Amino acid sequence: MDTGQKIERDPRPGSHNFFSAVPSLRLLVSFSALACSVATSVVAAESVEVTTVRFGSARAPNGTPEPWFETEVVLAVAPPAEGGSRFVSRVRVGLVLGWELPAALGGSRRIDTYRAEAECVALEVGRASVRFYLPPELVKRDQLRGPPKLWQVTLHAGGRAVPPSRAASVAALAEAAAMRAFAVAVATGAPANDSLLLPQYLTPFASAYPRSTPSFVRREPALLPPARAGP
């Protein structure tokens, strides 16, 4: 990772049982609408895509002794076909991580899943990185060393889903059946771990990478002082 932050990486393979889906004129108009929809999807696909996903451990700038687990999603941003702008607006990055847990006596292997999203205000043409973190207590408790066994990145640009690139998921999910099984595992198990995987701006790393951190759309409620009781 080409930043000043020291990252230590060591390989490692990811609670749900993952291992055990005029008539001719009307036709012309309909076809034109479909073609327009396909073109729009292609524009989104060409504008932003996942090129690399990196995993590592990182010590927070505030000097906490235990490392956080860091995921860096590297995006390639191309000029949008429409408008000639050098920016792609409202890029939403979703991340799902799955670690394999040892089987209990007489049981089967399980996948423990975590998910999070971050939405960028806009991304300029070139390269961008969106980072997510698991806190050190969780890393230590669950002995999360190295990359998860299963992972997937999803993208939306300008409110439209972007077709996934090859680099947007681990090779083990290349088959449609494996992807469907993982989706079931996430839908079943991830809610129990929601809000544990954090976007960069909610962690001590919020300003750790000033040259490669985009601005994010913030939706968490503002922290306001309690209202004073009336006289």
Protein backbone atom coordinates (compact mmCIF):
# COMPACT_ATOMS: atom_id res chain seq x y z
CA MET A 1 0.00 0.00 0.00
CA ASP A 2 1.69 3.19 -1.17
CA THR A 3 0.97 5.34 1.87
CA GLY A 4 2.89 6.42 4.92
CA GLN A 5 0.78 4.13 7.11
CA LYS A 6 2.56 0.95 8.07
CA ILE A 7 0.54 -2.05 6.98
CA GLU A 8 1.41 -5.57 8.03
CA ARG A 9 -0.15 -8.32 5.94
CA ASP A 10 -0.08 -12.05 6.49
CA PRO A 11 -2.10 -14.60 4.52
CA ARG A 12 -5.07 -16.35 6.01
CA PRO A 13 -8.26 -17.77 4.82
CA GLY A 14 -14.16 -16.67 6.96
CA SER A 15 -22.60 -17.53 11.27
CA HIS A 16 -24.21 -19.55 8.66
CA ASN A 17 -23.53 -22.96 7.16
CA PHE A 18 -22.15 -21.86 3.83
CA PHE A 19 -20.77 -25.21 2.72
CA SER A 20 -23.77 -27.78 3.23
CA ALA A 21 -29.86 -18.15 -7.10
CA VAL A 22 -49.67 1.30 -33.85
CA PRO A 23 -48.06 -2.07 -32.58
CA SER A 24 -44.85 -1.69 -34.61
CA LEU A 25 -44.36 1.86 -33.28
CA ARG A 26 -44.88 0.69 -29.70
CA LEU A 27 -42.32 -2.05 -30.29
CA LEU A 28 -39.82 0.50 -31.64
CA VAL A 29 -40.35 2.77 -28.63
CA SER A 30 -39.97 -0.17 -26.25
CA PHE A 31 -36.76 -1.28 -27.99
CA SER A 32 -35.40 2.27 -27.88
CA ALA A 33 -36.08 2.49 -24.14
CA LEU A 34 -34.32 -0.84 -23.61
CA ALA A 35 -31.33 0.28 -25.66
CA CYS A 36 -31.13 3.49 -23.66
CA SER A 37 -31.23 1.50 -20.41
CA VAL A 38 -28.45 -0.80 -21.60
CA ALA A 39 -26.36 2.19 -22.71
CA THR A 40 -26.81 3.82 -19.30
CA SER A 41 -25.64 0.64 -17.59
CA VAL A 42 -22.60 0.46 -19.87
CA VAL A 43 -21.74 4.08 -19.08
CA ALA A 44 -21.79 3.30 -15.36
CA ALA A 45 -19.70 0.19 -15.92
CA GLU A 46 -17.05 2.09 -17.86
CA SER A 47 -16.93 4.98 -15.38
CA VAL A 48 -15.79 3.12 -12.26
CA GLU A 49 -14.61 -0.41 -11.50
CA VAL A 50 -12.78 -2.36 -8.82
CA THR A 51 -9.15 -3.06 -9.76
CA THR A 52 -7.70 -4.39 -6.50
CA VAL A 53 -8.82 -5.33 -3.00
CA ARG A 54 -6.09 -5.35 -0.35
CA PHE A 55 -6.16 -6.64 3.19
CA GLY A 56 -3.81 -5.88 6.04
CA SER A 57 -3.37 -4.84 9.65
CA ALA A 58 -2.83 -1.20 10.60
CA ARG A 59 -2.08 0.56 13.84
CA ALA A 60 -4.23 3.60 14.45
CA PRO A 61 -2.61 7.06 14.42
CA ASN A 62 -3.72 7.68 18.02
CA GLY A 63 -1.24 5.08 19.26
CA THR A 64 -3.56 2.23 20.24
CA PRO A 65 -1.39 -0.86 20.75
CA GLU A 66 -3.58 -3.41 18.96
CA PRO A 67 -3.95 -3.36 15.15
CA TRP A 68 -7.17 -2.84 13.22
CA PHE A 69 -8.03 -5.03 10.22
CA GLU A 70 -7.96 -2.87 7.10
CA THR A 71 -9.56 -3.47 3.71
CA GLU A 72 -8.61 -1.14 0.87
CA VAL A 73 -10.85 -1.19 -2.21
CA VAL A 74 -8.94 0.37 -5.11
CA LEU A 75 -11.11 1.85 -7.87
CA ALA A 76 -10.29 2.95 -11.40
CA VAL A 77 -12.36 5.99 -12.37
CA ALA A 78 -12.79 6.80 -16.06
CA PRO A 79 -14.39 9.91 -17.60
CA PRO A 80 -18.16 9.47 -17.87
CA ALA A 81 -19.31 9.16 -21.46
CA GLU A 82 -22.00 11.79 -20.98
CA GLY A 83 -21.23 15.44 -20.27
CA GLY A 84 -17.44 15.43 -20.52
CA SER A 85 -17.03 15.72 -16.73
CA ARG A 86 -13.91 14.57 -14.94
CA PHE A 87 -15.98 13.34 -12.00
CA VAL A 88 -18.29 10.41 -11.32
CA SER A 89 -20.90 11.40 -8.74
CA ARG A 90 -22.36 9.43 -5.84
CA VAL A 91 -20.22 6.30 -6.00
CA ARG A 92 -21.46 3.82 -3.38
CA VAL A 93 -19.10 1.03 -2.36
CA GLY A 94 -20.46 -2.03 -0.54
CA LEU A 95 -18.15 -4.58 1.08
CA VAL A 96 -18.91 -8.03 2.49
CA LEU A 97 -16.26 -10.10 4.29
CA GLY A 98 -16.62 -13.74 5.32
CA TRP A 99 -14.28 -15.63 7.64
CA GLU A 100 -14.35 -19.38 8.03
CA LEU A 101 -14.90 -20.53 11.60
CA PRO A 102 -13.74 -23.91 12.90
CA ALA A 103 -16.41 -26.56 13.11
CA ALA A 104 -17.81 -27.47 16.49
CA LEU A 105 -17.58 -31.09 17.51
CA GLY A 106 -19.83 -33.05 15.16
CA GLY A 107 -20.79 -29.89 13.27
CA SER A 108 -19.86 -28.32 9.95
CA ARG A 109 -17.73 -25.33 9.01
CA ARG A 110 -19.38 -21.92 9.21
CA ILE A 111 -18.86 -18.49 7.68
CA ASP A 112 -19.01 -15.41 9.90
CA THR A 113 -19.90 -12.38 7.74
CA TYR A 114 -19.53 -8.61 8.08
CA ARG A 115 -20.84 -5.92 5.75
CA ALA A 116 -20.67 -2.15 5.35
CA GLU A 117 -21.22 0.61 2.77
CA ALA A 118 -19.62 3.97 2.09
CA GLU A 119 -20.82 6.54 -0.44
CA CYS A 120 -18.37 8.98 -1.99
CA VAL A 121 -19.59 12.48 -2.84
CA ALA A 122 -17.75 12.29 -6.18
CA LEU A 123 -14.61 10.63 -7.53
CA GLU A 124 -12.23 12.35 -9.93
CA VAL A 125 -10.86 10.52 -12.95
CA GLY A 126 -7.89 8.36 -11.99
CA ARG A 127 -7.45 6.11 -8.99
CA ALA A 128 -9.35 6.19 -5.69
CA SER A 129 -9.25 4.11 -2.52
CA VAL A 130 -12.13 3.39 -0.17
CA ARG A 131 -11.17 1.77 3.13
CA PHE A 132 -13.05 -0.22 5.76
CA TYR A 133 -11.95 -1.41 9.21
CA LEU A 134 -12.69 -4.02 11.84
CA PRO A 135 -11.77 -2.86 15.37
CA PRO A 136 -8.82 -4.40 17.24
CA GLU A 137 -10.96 -6.06 19.93
CA LEU A 138 -12.77 -8.04 17.24
CA VAL A 139 -9.54 -8.87 15.41
CA LYS A 140 -7.99 -10.19 18.61
CA ARG A 141 -11.09 -12.03 19.83
CA ASP A 142 -11.71 -13.85 16.55
CA GLN A 143 -8.02 -14.20 15.58
CA LEU A 144 -8.50 -12.55 12.18
CA ARG A 145 -5.11 -12.96 10.55
CA GLY A 146 -4.76 -12.29 6.87
CA PRO A 147 -7.49 -12.02 4.24
CA PRO A 148 -11.00 -13.42 4.69
CA LYS A 149 -11.88 -16.64 2.94
CA LEU A 150 -14.75 -14.99 1.06
CA TRP A 151 -15.32 -11.37 0.10
CA GLN A 152 -17.26 -9.27 -2.41
CA VAL A 153 -17.42 -5.61 -3.44
CA THR A 154 -20.49 -4.03 -5.04
CA LEU A 155 -20.61 -0.63 -6.73
CA HIS A 156 -23.29 1.92 -7.59
CA ALA A 157 -22.58 5.08 -9.56
CA GLY A 158 -25.09 7.89 -9.92
CA GLY A 159 -27.77 5.68 -8.41
CA ARG A 160 -27.18 2.82 -10.87
CA ALA A 161 -25.70 -0.59 -10.15
CA VAL A 162 -22.32 -1.17 -11.80
CA PRO A 163 -21.74 -4.65 -13.27
CA PRO A 164 -18.97 -6.33 -11.25
CA SER A 165 -15.45 -6.64 -12.61
CA ARG A 166 -13.40 -9.78 -12.12
CA ALA A 167 -11.50 -8.11 -9.27
CA ALA A 168 -14.69 -7.33 -7.33
CA SER A 169 -14.86 -10.70 -5.54
CA VAL A 170 -12.66 -13.58 -4.48
CA ALA A 171 -12.09 -16.27 -7.12
CA ALA A 172 -14.01 -18.81 -5.02
CA LEU A 173 -17.22 -16.85 -5.82
CA ALA A 174 -16.76 -16.96 -9.59
CA GLU A 175 -19.37 -19.68 -9.98
CA ALA A 176 -23.00 -18.55 -9.82
CA ALA A 177 -23.91 -21.29 -7.35
CA ALA A 178 -21.17 -20.23 -4.95
CA MET A 179 -22.26 -16.60 -5.21
CA ARG A 180 -25.88 -17.52 -4.46
CA ALA A 181 -24.82 -19.59 -1.44
CA PHE A 182 -22.70 -16.70 -0.16
CA ALA A 183 -25.64 -14.30 -0.60
CA VAL A 184 -27.78 -16.61 1.56
CA ALA A 185 -25.02 -16.75 4.21
CA VAL A 186 -24.78 -12.95 4.23
CA ALA A 187 -28.54 -12.42 4.43
CA THR A 188 -28.76 -14.87 7.32
CA GLY A 189 -25.64 -14.08 9.32
CA ALA A 190 -24.53 -10.51 8.56
CA PRO A 191 -27.32 -8.66 10.44
CA ALA A 192 -25.92 -9.96 13.74
CA ASN A 193 -22.61 -8.23 12.93
CA ASP A 194 -23.95 -5.02 11.41
CA SER A 195 -22.08 -1.84 12.41
CA LEU A 196 -18.93 -3.79 13.34
CA LEU A 197 -17.27 -3.32 9.94
CA LEU A 198 -16.73 0.43 9.73
CA PRO A 199 -16.08 2.86 6.84
CA GLN A 200 -12.88 4.86 7.24
CA TYR A 201 -14.57 8.09 8.32
CA LEU A 202 -15.98 6.42 11.46
CA THR A 203 -12.56 5.22 12.68
CA PRO A 204 -9.31 6.77 13.98
CA PHE A 205 -8.05 6.49 10.37
CA ALA A 206 -10.44 9.23 9.18
CA SER A 207 -7.53 11.53 8.26
CA ALA A 208 -4.77 8.93 7.92
CA TYR A 209 -4.56 9.00 4.11
CA PRO A 210 -5.20 12.63 3.13
CA ARG A 211 -4.07 12.24 -0.49
CA SER A 212 -6.18 9.22 -1.31
CA THR A 213 -9.27 9.53 0.89
CA PRO A 214 -12.42 10.82 -0.85
CA SER A 215 -15.15 12.87 0.80
CA PHE A 216 -18.07 10.77 1.97
CA VAL A 217 -21.81 11.26 2.16
CA ARG A 218 -22.52 11.21 5.90
CA ARG A 219 -25.84 9.86 7.12
CA GLU A 220 -25.25 9.16 10.80
CA PRO A 221 -27.24 11.50 13.06
CA ALA A 222 -25.47 14.60 14.33
CA LEU A 223 -24.44 14.51 17.98
CA LEU A 224 -26.35 17.37 19.57
CA PRO A 225 -26.16 18.49 23.21
CA PRO A 226 -29.22 17.48 25.28
CA ALA A 227 -31.99 20.04 25.34
CA ARG A 228 -32.26 22.01 28.56
CA ALA A 229 -35.46 21.73 30.52
CA GLY A 230 -37.58 24.86 30.64
CA PRO A 231 -37.86 27.00 33.77
